[in-house]
């Protein structure tokens, strides 16, 4: 595979896929998502691989969407969509909803190995995995409402937190720490940071002792049960609300539009400073 910001490793019967742009907090832009898709496809088609582990290099799993790196600008120029709102909607749906649903339904068990920040699109990415192992320093958040939007494009919050807690954390944009995430059922286990990889790989290898076909059918039954409860329809419906918020120029009305010459760091700090918990 031709990968530049994603690392693919095969360790016995486990494929480890690592987002590898730590100096930018592993942003989920077009190239990162494309390379993740290539890596997931490679793991699925390798008959020796029984479990997939998703990780992020550096101090954090990922701080979410790519909000304007030079690489993202170059990628968008090389992969154009139709102009205006229709193109924006199609690009966003392809990248952050359709792709995420595909990864959620991969025919092999997936484990997200989360540490540090796991925010916005990164939270959605982690939630596509079957199991989440979190270090004790994890911070989850969906901060879309803080800047006048509705929520992220892959809106799994209510399914994982429960409806009332989903509203609380969405309405405030507050962080969910590791222990609260475990209490609510968002993560399977919380482990010390220094033991995160050891514990995750031990679980992955334990699952990898099972037959691949049996694992696929077990996963399929659980996902299909969730879909019969409305999961997939709810995700697609919520995406439409996300796009309505985008079309309504809510960021302009809330004063959270990015100002000319304002860096991403300055923008995020301005968004969060009134709450006292910026990155």
Foldseek 3Di string as FASTA:
>chain_A
DDADQWDWDDDFQEIEIEGHPVVQQSAQADRSLVVVVVRLVVLLPPPSHAEYEYAYDDQWRGAYHDPDDPVRVVVCVVVDADDDLVRVLVVQCVRQPPSLLVLLLRLHAYEYLGEDEQEASSLSNRQSGPAYEYEQHYWYWFAQVLLQFQTHLQPCQCVQQNDVVSCVRRVQRGIQGDVNSVVRRVHVYYHHPVCRVVVVVVVSVVSSVDDSVVRSVVSVVVVVVVVVVPNSVVSNVVNVSRSVSVVVPRSVVSVLDDDPPQDPQNSQCVSCVVVPDGD
